[in-house]
């Protein structure tokens, strides 16, 4: 059976936004990976309290945001869910490389719909058989591994678990972390993989197994922020530096992310 690609539109919660807009000098426009959708609202709200600036936020899959900026979208800052797409932008001179900052980390979990009676022990010797049985009459959902960071991390994890080749025909690919979470929460599949931060903030899904990257080999999901290369207009009003602050890191932690200062992130 062919893999199914589930498409969705990028989530944009800005006002009067268009790809070619020119925003006011006292505003910041930030492109944010979709898994940061909820925490980004809290972060920008907190920053605006002490800064006489307005932040407009655009969220979507990292790959989509990067390509929008390449086509001329006038963001000041991008926050990506992996380094690969940041490197893609560096190679195209789209960001100011010296401005790059690591701002948070995450981890992966298997989840299911809140009302499903499903259990999965990732450490059991029967894990592979249990997983295959669990999706025998359903599928497993994850974002597309060719472009979406969560999909890339998920593929690495599934390979490390020794099940990637066994379940490929049962995979449903979504377009972003948020569309993936919604797809699973609606009961369209029995299980899926998502970020821990998204799982614990959703009342419509439950975690059935944690995928420890220290035990199973996959890149630790890491978020990076950088200024877009806009010539002499590269002014972020110290927002990137503030993302490293204790206050900002506390907000990340409250939303289920791991801070850049946590010992477990080393």
Foldseek 3Di string as FASTA:
>chain_A
DDAAEAEDDWDFDFPPDDQADDDDLQEAEEEEEQLCVVLVVVLQVVVVVPGVGYYGYTYFFQQVVLVSVVVRRDGFKYKHFDCVSVVVCVVVQFFDVVFKDWQFFWFKFKKAWPPDPDAADLPDPCRLVSVCVQPVVFAEEFAPCVGGPRNVQVLQQCVLSVCNVVHVVRYHHYHHQVVRVVCRLVVRGGMYMHIQLVQVVDPTMHTRGTRDCVNGPGDTGTMMMTTTPDDPSNDPVCSSVVSLDPVNQVSCVVSRIGGPPDPVVD
